[in-house]
């Protein structure tokens, strides 16, 4: 954002610009900080002071009266880098740069020490109309209004040629979601919507489950001595590959049976109006009782 102007007098020689600033983050971005920089060097200059406000509150105000009599700006002082007897910001001497970060405002100017130093620290703060706030905030995400420009305390020619730059520092987009809540972020989870284990890269344990099952409305209602048919099933055609939510390969009471790695639990494992289903686990020679409403294993029975 550029601001330029040339005039004469304490009113006609002052030029201000109002800017609305806001920041919109992308999904997953993490905001760190926001810095405001008014570049007054190289091709830029001001005559003979500066002013800066955020949301109508004046944070900085100075003009020539605040620096013209101070030793650092006169007769070879550290800001009289061209040794012409006085600092002349209207010629961009020292390539001034105004920086506003958090609660800090600095006018960084190249000095005779060969480094940039804060010129505001060398000004006369006792002269009227001096303003330098050390307690202020601004929120780039919520947005704010800033006003900046020059001052012309000398009353003669006044001008500014500057460029305002707003810098926002944002961490790269990082997807921190864990939809299935298994402790593995979705970006590294091989089965992001089915709760699994780290040993299988976030996928649930596989288990072969009998496709023949017995339904009942009452839990714990079977006698294993009478369940020879389910226990006797051995052919592969009698089993489907399923998965379970447990921490170990063999499911236990409290684990959930799920359809496949494209579905999370709880869900209905077996259709029908009855409340419970009994089915065999091929590799463990056991019958499990599953609550149909959510697939939770209620009871385990060992085949005789």
Foldseek 3Di string as FASTA:
>chain_A
DKDKDKDFFQPRQKTKDKDKFADDDDAQKAFDFKKKKKFQADPKFWAFFKWKDKQPHTAFDDGCVFAFPFQLFAQQHFQVQVRPGGHDRRVRRQRWMWMDTAQDTFTWGQTPVRGTDGCVVRTHCVDPPGHHTRDDDDDRHVMIMMMMIGGHPVTTMTIIIIDMDMDIDIDPRDQQDQQQPQPDGPVQAPLRAAAPEVVVSRFFAKFKKFPDKDFAQDPPPDDLVPPPPQLVDADPVRIDIWGWNDPDNDDDAFIFTDRGSNHYWFAFDDDDDHQWMWIATNVQSKIFIAGRHGRGTHDIGHHD
